[in-house]
Amino acid sequence: MRHINDVLDDQLPVVFLGSSTGMYNQIDICRARGRQVVGIFDSDYSSQTELHGLPILNTIPDYCEFFVATSWTPFDGPIFERNREKRQKLLTFMKENNLIGATLVHPTTVVSLGALIGRNVSIGAQSYISHGCRIESDVLIREQVFIGHDVTIKENTVVQIKSTITGNTDIDANVYVGVNSTVINRMPLDRITIGENSLIYPNELVLKSVPKNNIVKSRRLRG
């Protein structure tokens, strides 16, 4: 876990492991920070080709940091299931090969000096991370997200675009917070928890703790 000043000192080139359509955001962060992107290591594509304007690599280069670009969603379907499996394999590959995860924070995002951020984390543009926050490894925070004070976000969690999580809240591992959802702690002296493996659908308002393995889906019109 590192403070933001340590993150901003990162200069090593970045290699993406796996791919997704959403990785444009991470590529933009690297370019906005002036960090070189070496290419993409993805067994689904042959070498000597390009993806998203980046070369496909057939070997792992030295002196780089790595970011798992294959994301995940909790919804049913063969594509979603395959992406979840592929992401887990890539995370295991990183650990087995002692690869250093890149921490990617867009320059328009504000991160308090009191916050701590892990490796293989991405925080998109125009977000705000308040003091006392702890964002653990392998977390994906999209654009225009507000994270209040003393929030903990554990491993492999996704917080989607325009979401809000207010202070003194614990987000356990493998939680998916949908687009434009809000988690409000109405009792700021007591912490609330969104349990492990929980799914909060888009546009939801959560006002209390959610047990693990739960789905928050209160809106009636779902298309």
C-alpha atoms as a PDB file:
ATOM      1  CA  MET A   1       0.000   0.000   0.000  1.00  0.00           C
ATOM      2  CA  ARG A   2       1.367   3.416  -0.974  1.00  0.00           C
ATOM      3  CA  HIS A   3       0.586   7.100  -0.595  1.00  0.00           C
ATOM      4  CA  ILE A   4      -0.285   9.105  -3.693  1.00  0.00           C
ATOM      5  CA  ASN A   5       3.081  10.885  -3.813  1.00  0.00           C
ATOM      6  CA  ASP A   6       4.815   7.523  -4.167  1.00  0.00           C
ATOM      7  CA  VAL A   7       2.399   6.536  -6.934  1.00  0.00           C
ATOM      8  CA  LEU A   8       3.077   9.735  -8.863  1.00  0.00           C
ATOM      9  CA  ASP A   9       6.807   8.989  -8.778  1.00  0.00           C
ATOM     10  CA  ASP A  10       6.300   5.810 -10.843  1.00  0.00           C
ATOM     11  CA  GLN A  11       8.209   6.019 -14.118  1.00  0.00           C
ATOM     12  CA  LEU A  12       8.606   2.450 -15.356  1.00  0.00           C
ATOM     13  CA  PRO A  13       6.969   1.568 -18.686  1.00  0.00           C
ATOM     14  CA  VAL A  14       3.660  -0.306 -18.513  1.00  0.00           C
ATOM     15  CA  VAL A  15       2.678  -3.624 -20.087  1.00  0.00           C
ATOM     16  CA  PHE A  16      -0.998  -4.587 -20.212  1.00  0.00           C
ATOM     17  CA  LEU A  17      -1.900  -8.193 -19.444  1.00  0.00           C
ATOM     18  CA  GLY A  18      -5.021  -9.234 -21.307  1.00  0.00           C
ATOM     19  CA  SER A  19      -7.314  -6.716 -22.927  1.00  0.00           C
ATOM     20  CA  SER A  20     -10.793  -5.206 -22.929  1.00  0.00           C
ATOM     21  CA  THR A  21     -12.687  -2.401 -24.642  1.00  0.00           C
ATOM     22  CA  GLY A  22     -12.472  -0.406 -21.402  1.00  0.00           C
ATOM     23  CA  MET A  23      -8.682  -0.430 -21.375  1.00  0.00           C
ATOM     24  CA  TYR A  24      -8.713   2.767 -23.441  1.00  0.00           C
ATOM     25  CA  ASN A  25      -9.156   4.505 -20.077  1.00  0.00           C
ATOM     26  CA  GLN A  26      -5.974   2.990 -18.663  1.00  0.00           C
ATOM     27  CA  ILE A  27      -4.074   3.763 -21.864  1.00  0.00           C
ATOM     28  CA  ASP A  28      -5.228   7.391 -21.592  1.00  0.00           C
ATOM     29  CA  ILE A  29      -4.061   7.535 -17.970  1.00  0.00           C
ATOM     30  CA  CYS A  30      -0.590   6.317 -18.951  1.00  0.00           C
ATOM     31  CA  ARG A  31      -0.309   8.860 -21.739  1.00  0.00           C
ATOM     32  CA  ALA A  32      -1.613  11.690 -19.564  1.00  0.00           C
ATOM     33  CA  ARG A  33       1.010  10.784 -16.955  1.00  0.00           C
ATOM     34  CA  GLY A  34       3.761  10.548 -19.556  1.00  0.00           C
ATOM     35  CA  ARG A  35       4.311   6.829 -18.945  1.00  0.00           C
ATOM     36  CA  GLN A  36       5.409   4.676 -21.852  1.00  0.00           C
ATOM     37  CA  VAL A  37       3.114   1.784 -22.803  1.00  0.00           C
ATOM     38  CA  VAL A  38       5.214  -1.059 -24.201  1.00  0.00           C
ATOM     39  CA  GLY A  39       2.351  -3.207 -25.469  1.00  0.00           C
ATOM     40  CA  ILE A  40      -0.159  -5.932 -24.652  1.00  0.00           C
ATOM     41  CA  PHE A  41       0.585  -9.507 -23.592  1.00  0.00           C
ATOM     42  CA  ASP A  42      -2.507 -11.512 -24.509  1.00  0.00           C
ATOM     43  CA  SER A  43      -2.534 -15.118 -25.681  1.00  0.00           C
ATOM     44  CA  ASP A  44      -5.810 -14.532 -27.549  1.00  0.00           C
ATOM     45  CA  TYR A  45      -3.909 -12.554 -30.190  1.00  0.00           C
ATOM     46  CA  SER A  46      -0.915 -13.435 -32.323  1.00  0.00           C
ATOM     47  CA  SER A  47       2.295 -11.468 -32.073  1.00  0.00           C
ATOM     48  CA  GLN A  48       3.315  -8.992 -34.770  1.00  0.00           C
ATOM     49  CA  THR A  49      -0.206  -7.555 -34.703  1.00  0.00           C
ATOM     50  CA  GLU A  50      -1.706  -4.556 -32.905  1.00  0.00           C
ATOM     51  CA  LEU A  51      -4.636  -4.011 -30.583  1.00  0.00           C
ATOM     52  CA  HIS A  52      -5.905  -0.573 -29.569  1.00  0.00           C
ATOM     53  CA  GLY A  53      -2.879   0.827 -31.380  1.00  0.00           C
ATOM     54  CA  LEU A  54      -0.435  -1.172 -29.227  1.00  0.00           C
ATOM     55  CA  PRO A  55       1.765  -4.099 -30.303  1.00  0.00           C
ATOM     56  CA  ILE A  56       0.963  -7.628 -29.144  1.00  0.00           C
ATOM     57  CA  LEU A  57       3.964  -9.007 -27.261  1.00  0.00           C
ATOM     58  CA  ASN A  58       5.114 -12.632 -27.274  1.00  0.00           C
ATOM     59  CA  THR A  59       7.493 -12.306 -24.304  1.00  0.00           C
ATOM     60  CA  ILE A  60       7.377 -10.523 -20.965  1.00  0.00           C
ATOM     61  CA  PRO A  61       9.844  -7.610 -21.026  1.00  0.00           C
ATOM     62  CA  ASP A  62      12.065  -6.643 -18.107  1.00  0.00           C
ATOM     63  CA  TYR A  63      12.000  -3.380 -16.172  1.00  0.00           C
ATOM     64  CA  CYS A  64       8.286  -2.773 -16.540  1.00  0.00           C
ATOM     65  CA  GLU A  65       5.162  -2.626 -14.419  1.00  0.00           C
ATOM     66  CA  PHE A  66       2.068  -4.584 -15.364  1.00  0.00           C
ATOM     67  CA  PHE A  67      -1.657  -3.955 -15.372  1.00  0.00           C
ATOM     68  CA  VAL A  68      -4.363  -6.604 -15.828  1.00  0.00           C
ATOM     69  CA  ALA A  69      -6.568  -4.998 -18.456  1.00  0.00           C
ATOM     70  CA  THR A  70      -9.157  -7.783 -18.628  1.00  0.00           C
ATOM     71  CA  SER A  71     -11.934  -6.573 -16.349  1.00  0.00           C
ATOM     72  CA  TRP A  72     -14.957  -8.427 -14.990  1.00  0.00           C
ATOM     73  CA  THR A  73     -18.681  -8.056 -14.493  1.00  0.00           C
ATOM     74  CA  PRO A  74     -20.895 -10.326 -12.380  1.00  0.00           C
ATOM     75  CA  PHE A  75     -23.632 -10.802 -14.959  1.00  0.00           C
ATOM     76  CA  ASP A  76     -24.522 -14.135 -16.585  1.00  0.00           C
ATOM     77  CA  GLY A  77     -23.382 -15.061 -20.053  1.00  0.00           C
ATOM     78  CA  PRO A  78     -20.469 -16.883 -21.700  1.00  0.00           C
ATOM     79  CA  ILE A  79     -18.515 -13.703 -22.492  1.00  0.00           C
ATOM     80  CA  PHE A  80     -18.761 -12.438 -18.906  1.00  0.00           C
ATOM     81  CA  GLU A  81     -17.829 -15.844 -17.501  1.00  0.00           C
ATOM     82  CA  ARG A  82     -14.850 -16.126 -19.823  1.00  0.00           C
ATOM     83  CA  ASN A  83     -13.604 -12.663 -18.848  1.00  0.00           C
ATOM     84  CA  ARG A  84     -13.832 -13.527 -15.151  1.00  0.00           C
ATOM     85  CA  GLU A  85     -11.855 -16.720 -15.686  1.00  0.00           C
ATOM     86  CA  LYS A  86      -9.280 -14.969 -17.845  1.00  0.00           C
ATOM     87  CA  ARG A  87      -8.820 -12.160 -15.314  1.00  0.00           C
ATOM     88  CA  GLN A  88      -8.249 -14.638 -12.491  1.00  0.00           C
ATOM     89  CA  LYS A  89      -5.660 -16.517 -14.560  1.00  0.00           C
ATOM     90  CA  LEU A  90      -3.834 -13.258 -15.289  1.00  0.00           C
ATOM     91  CA  LEU A  91      -3.832 -12.232 -11.620  1.00  0.00           C
ATOM     92  CA  THR A  92      -2.404 -15.650 -10.739  1.00  0.00           C
ATOM     93  CA  PHE A  93       0.176 -15.284 -13.524  1.00  0.00           C
ATOM     94  CA  MET A  94       1.308 -11.965 -12.036  1.00  0.00           C
ATOM     95  CA  LYS A  95       1.779 -13.473  -8.584  1.00  0.00           C
ATOM     96  CA  GLU A  96       3.545 -16.596  -9.801  1.00  0.00           C
ATOM     97  CA  ASN A  97       6.004 -14.517 -11.828  1.00  0.00           C
ATOM     98  CA  ASN A  98       6.462 -11.786  -9.182  1.00  0.00           C
ATOM     99  CA  LEU A  99       5.374  -9.077 -11.614  1.00  0.00           C
ATOM    100  CA  ILE A 100       4.937  -5.586 -10.145  1.00  0.00           C
ATOM    101  CA  GLY A 101       1.462  -4.186 -10.651  1.00  0.00           C
ATOM    102  CA  ALA A 102       1.084  -0.668 -11.986  1.00  0.00           C
ATOM    103  CA  THR A 103      -0.987   1.922 -10.106  1.00  0.00           C
ATOM    104  CA  LEU A 104      -2.753   4.154 -12.640  1.00  0.00           C
ATOM    105  CA  VAL A 105      -4.349   7.393 -11.405  1.00  0.00           C
ATOM    106  CA  HIS A 106      -5.651   9.938 -13.910  1.00  0.00           C
ATOM    107  CA  PRO A 107      -4.121  13.416 -13.412  1.00  0.00           C
ATOM    108  CA  THR A 108      -7.575  15.027 -13.122  1.00  0.00           C
ATOM    109  CA  THR A 109      -8.370  12.841 -10.097  1.00  0.00           C
ATOM    110  CA  VAL A 110      -7.744  14.123  -6.574  1.00  0.00           C
ATOM    111  CA  VAL A 111      -6.357  11.651  -4.037  1.00  0.00           C
ATOM    112  CA  SER A 112      -5.862  12.773  -0.450  1.00  0.00           C
ATOM    113  CA  LEU A 113      -2.358  12.465   0.965  1.00  0.00           C
ATOM    114  CA  GLY A 114      -3.859  10.349   3.748  1.00  0.00           C
ATOM    115  CA  ALA A 115      -5.165   7.696   1.362  1.00  0.00           C
ATOM    116  CA  LEU A 116      -3.397   4.405   0.631  1.00  0.00           C
ATOM    117  CA  ILE A 117      -3.493   2.667  -2.758  1.00  0.00           C
ATOM    118  CA  GLY A 118      -2.413  -0.850  -3.724  1.00  0.00           C
ATOM    119  CA  ARG A 119      -0.947  -2.269  -6.924  1.00  0.00           C
ATOM    120  CA  ASN A 120      -2.771  -3.136 -10.145  1.00  0.00           C
ATOM    121  CA  VAL A 121      -5.269  -0.371  -9.362  1.00  0.00           C
ATOM    122  CA  SER A 122      -6.822   2.058 -11.825  1.00  0.00           C
ATOM    123  CA  ILE A 123      -8.669   5.275 -10.872  1.00  0.00           C
ATOM    124  CA  GLY A 124     -10.355   7.104 -13.735  1.00  0.00           C
ATOM    125  CA  ALA A 125     -10.674  10.779 -14.577  1.00  0.00           C
ATOM    126  CA  GLN A 126     -12.375  13.393 -12.373  1.00  0.00           C
ATOM    127  CA  SER A 127     -12.715  11.148  -9.337  1.00  0.00           C
ATOM    128  CA  TYR A 128     -12.106  12.081  -5.701  1.00  0.00           C
ATOM    129  CA  ILE A 129     -10.547   9.843  -3.042  1.00  0.00           C
ATOM    130  CA  SER A 130     -10.785  11.342   0.450  1.00  0.00           C
ATOM    131  CA  HIS A 131      -8.487  11.069   3.478  1.00  0.00           C
ATOM    132  CA  GLY A 132      -8.155   7.823   5.374  1.00  0.00           C
ATOM    133  CA  CYS A 133      -9.181   5.679   2.390  1.00  0.00           C
ATOM    134  CA  ARG A 134      -7.558   2.312   1.779  1.00  0.00           C
ATOM    135  CA  ILE A 135      -7.847   0.914  -1.741  1.00  0.00           C
ATOM    136  CA  GLU A 136      -6.357  -2.561  -1.908  1.00  0.00           C
ATOM    137  CA  SER A 137      -4.840  -4.359  -4.900  1.00  0.00           C
ATOM    138  CA  ASP A 138      -6.602  -5.229  -8.175  1.00  0.00           C
ATOM    139  CA  VAL A 139      -9.347  -2.602  -7.764  1.00  0.00           C
ATOM    140  CA  LEU A 140     -10.907  -0.754 -10.704  1.00  0.00           C
ATOM    141  CA  ILE A 141     -12.480   2.655 -10.021  1.00  0.00           C
ATOM    142  CA  ARG A 142     -13.995   4.288 -13.077  1.00  0.00           C
ATOM    143  CA  GLU A 143     -14.527   7.959 -13.948  1.00  0.00           C
ATOM    144  CA  GLN A 144     -16.272  10.616 -11.809  1.00  0.00           C
ATOM    145  CA  VAL A 145     -16.408   8.458  -8.671  1.00  0.00           C
ATOM    146  CA  PHE A 146     -16.542   9.992  -5.183  1.00  0.00           C
ATOM    147  CA  ILE A 147     -15.071   8.002  -2.292  1.00  0.00           C
ATOM    148  CA  GLY A 148     -15.609   9.561   1.150  1.00  0.00           C
ATOM    149  CA  HIS A 149     -13.313   9.539   4.162  1.00  0.00           C
ATOM    150  CA  ASP A 150     -12.080   6.331   5.826  1.00  0.00           C
ATOM    151  CA  VAL A 151     -13.495   4.002   3.180  1.00  0.00           C
ATOM    152  CA  THR A 152     -11.868   0.609   2.640  1.00  0.00           C
ATOM    153  CA  ILE A 153     -12.182  -1.072  -0.756  1.00  0.00           C
ATOM    154  CA  LYS A 154     -10.839  -4.616  -0.838  1.00  0.00           C
ATOM    155  CA  GLU A 155      -9.361  -6.711  -3.645  1.00  0.00           C
ATOM    156  CA  ASN A 156     -10.839  -7.185  -7.092  1.00  0.00           C
ATOM    157  CA  THR A 157     -13.708  -4.736  -6.622  1.00  0.00           C
ATOM    158  CA  VAL A 158     -15.176  -2.609  -9.420  1.00  0.00           C
ATOM    159  CA  VAL A 159     -16.736   0.805  -8.746  1.00  0.00           C
ATOM    160  CA  GLN A 160     -18.441   2.005 -11.904  1.00  0.00           C
ATOM    161  CA  ILE A 161     -18.849   5.490 -13.414  1.00  0.00           C
ATOM    162  CA  LYS A 162     -20.446   8.301 -11.350  1.00  0.00           C
ATOM    163  CA  SER A 163     -20.847   6.204  -8.213  1.00  0.00           C
ATOM    164  CA  THR A 164     -20.601   7.565  -4.653  1.00  0.00           C
ATOM    165  CA  ILE A 165     -19.476   5.825  -1.478  1.00  0.00           C
ATOM    166  CA  THR A 166     -19.687   7.951   1.668  1.00  0.00           C
ATOM    167  CA  GLY A 167     -17.418   7.821   4.713  1.00  0.00           C
ATOM    168  CA  ASN A 168     -16.828   4.990   7.174  1.00  0.00           C
ATOM    169  CA  THR A 169     -17.830   2.291   4.706  1.00  0.00           C
ATOM    170  CA  ASP A 170     -16.161  -1.068   4.036  1.00  0.00           C
ATOM    171  CA  ILE A 171     -16.438  -2.563   0.554  1.00  0.00           C
ATOM    172  CA  ASP A 172     -15.363  -6.197   0.738  1.00  0.00           C
ATOM    173  CA  ALA A 173     -13.574  -8.195  -1.972  1.00  0.00           C
ATOM    174  CA  ASN A 174     -15.157  -8.995  -5.341  1.00  0.00           C
ATOM    175  CA  VAL A 175     -17.915  -6.401  -5.041  1.00  0.00           C
ATOM    176  CA  TYR A 176     -19.388  -4.771  -8.148  1.00  0.00           C
ATOM    177  CA  VAL A 177     -20.932  -1.298  -7.741  1.00  0.00           C
ATOM    178  CA  GLY A 178     -22.978  -0.417 -10.815  1.00  0.00           C
ATOM    179  CA  VAL A 179     -23.063   2.855 -12.731  1.00  0.00           C
ATOM    180  CA  ASN A 180     -24.400   5.890 -10.836  1.00  0.00           C
ATOM    181  CA  SER A 181     -25.057   3.949  -7.635  1.00  0.00           C
ATOM    182  CA  THR A 182     -24.764   5.507  -4.185  1.00  0.00           C
ATOM    183  CA  VAL A 183     -23.803   3.941  -0.871  1.00  0.00           C
ATOM    184  CA  ILE A 184     -24.658   6.303   1.991  1.00  0.00           C
ATOM    185  CA  ASN A 185     -23.701   5.649   5.595  1.00  0.00           C
ATOM    186  CA  ARG A 186     -26.485   7.386   7.540  1.00  0.00           C
ATOM    187  CA  MET A 187     -24.818   6.551  10.872  1.00  0.00           C
ATOM    188  CA  PRO A 188     -21.333   8.008  10.408  1.00  0.00           C
ATOM    189  CA  LEU A 189     -20.154   6.883  13.851  1.00  0.00           C
ATOM    190  CA  ASP A 190     -20.793   3.241  12.884  1.00  0.00           C
ATOM    191  CA  ARG A 191     -19.251   1.582   9.853  1.00  0.00           C
ATOM    192  CA  ILE A 192     -21.399  -0.183   7.285  1.00  0.00           C
ATOM    193  CA  THR A 193     -20.208  -3.027   5.065  1.00  0.00           C
ATOM    194  CA  ILE A 194     -20.982  -4.181   1.553  1.00  0.00           C
ATOM    195  CA  GLY A 195     -20.268  -7.894   1.855  1.00  0.00           C
ATOM    196  CA  GLU A 196     -17.973  -9.980  -0.289  1.00  0.00           C
ATOM    197  CA  ASN A 197     -19.204 -11.045  -3.741  1.00  0.00           C
ATOM    198  CA  SER A 198     -22.123  -8.609  -3.674  1.00  0.00           C
ATOM    199  CA  LEU A 199     -23.626  -6.905  -6.716  1.00  0.00           C
ATOM    200  CA  ILE A 200     -25.153  -3.433  -6.596  1.00  0.00           C
ATOM    201  CA  TYR A 201     -27.109  -2.788  -9.781  1.00  0.00           C
ATOM    202  CA  PRO A 202     -26.867   0.585 -11.615  1.00  0.00           C
ATOM    203  CA  ASN A 203     -28.726   3.588 -10.164  1.00  0.00           C
ATOM    204  CA  GLU A 204     -29.237   1.985  -6.757  1.00  0.00           C
ATOM    205  CA  LEU A 205     -29.327   3.761  -3.377  1.00  0.00           C
ATOM    206  CA  VAL A 206     -27.875   1.679  -0.529  1.00  0.00           C
ATOM    207  CA  LEU A 207     -28.454   2.970   3.018  1.00  0.00           C
ATOM    208  CA  LYS A 208     -27.360   0.021   5.178  1.00  0.00           C
ATOM    209  CA  SER A 209     -24.987  -2.934   5.260  1.00  0.00           C
ATOM    210  CA  VAL A 210     -25.365  -5.647   2.632  1.00  0.00           C
ATOM    211  CA  PRO A 211     -24.559  -9.280   3.579  1.00  0.00           C
ATOM    212  CA  LYS A 212     -22.068 -11.148   1.432  1.00  0.00           C
ATOM    213  CA  ASN A 213     -23.221 -12.876  -1.766  1.00  0.00           C
ATOM    214  CA  ASN A 214     -26.190 -10.515  -2.103  1.00  0.00           C
ATOM    215  CA  ILE A 215     -27.735  -8.635  -5.022  1.00  0.00           C
ATOM    216  CA  VAL A 216     -29.130  -5.121  -4.586  1.00  0.00           C
ATOM    217  CA  LYS A 217     -31.729  -4.636  -7.300  1.00  0.00           C
ATOM    218  CA  SER A 218     -34.693  -2.570  -6.132  1.00  0.00           C
ATOM    219  CA  ARG A 219     -35.512  -0.646  -9.295  1.00  0.00           C
ATOM    220  CA  ARG A 220     -38.498  -2.033 -11.175  1.00  0.00           C
ATOM    221  CA  LEU A 221     -37.766  -0.829 -14.695  1.00  0.00           C
ATOM    222  CA  ARG A 222     -34.849  -2.823 -16.003  1.00  0.00           C
ATOM    223  CA  GLY A 223     -35.308  -3.126 -19.787  1.00  0.00           C
END
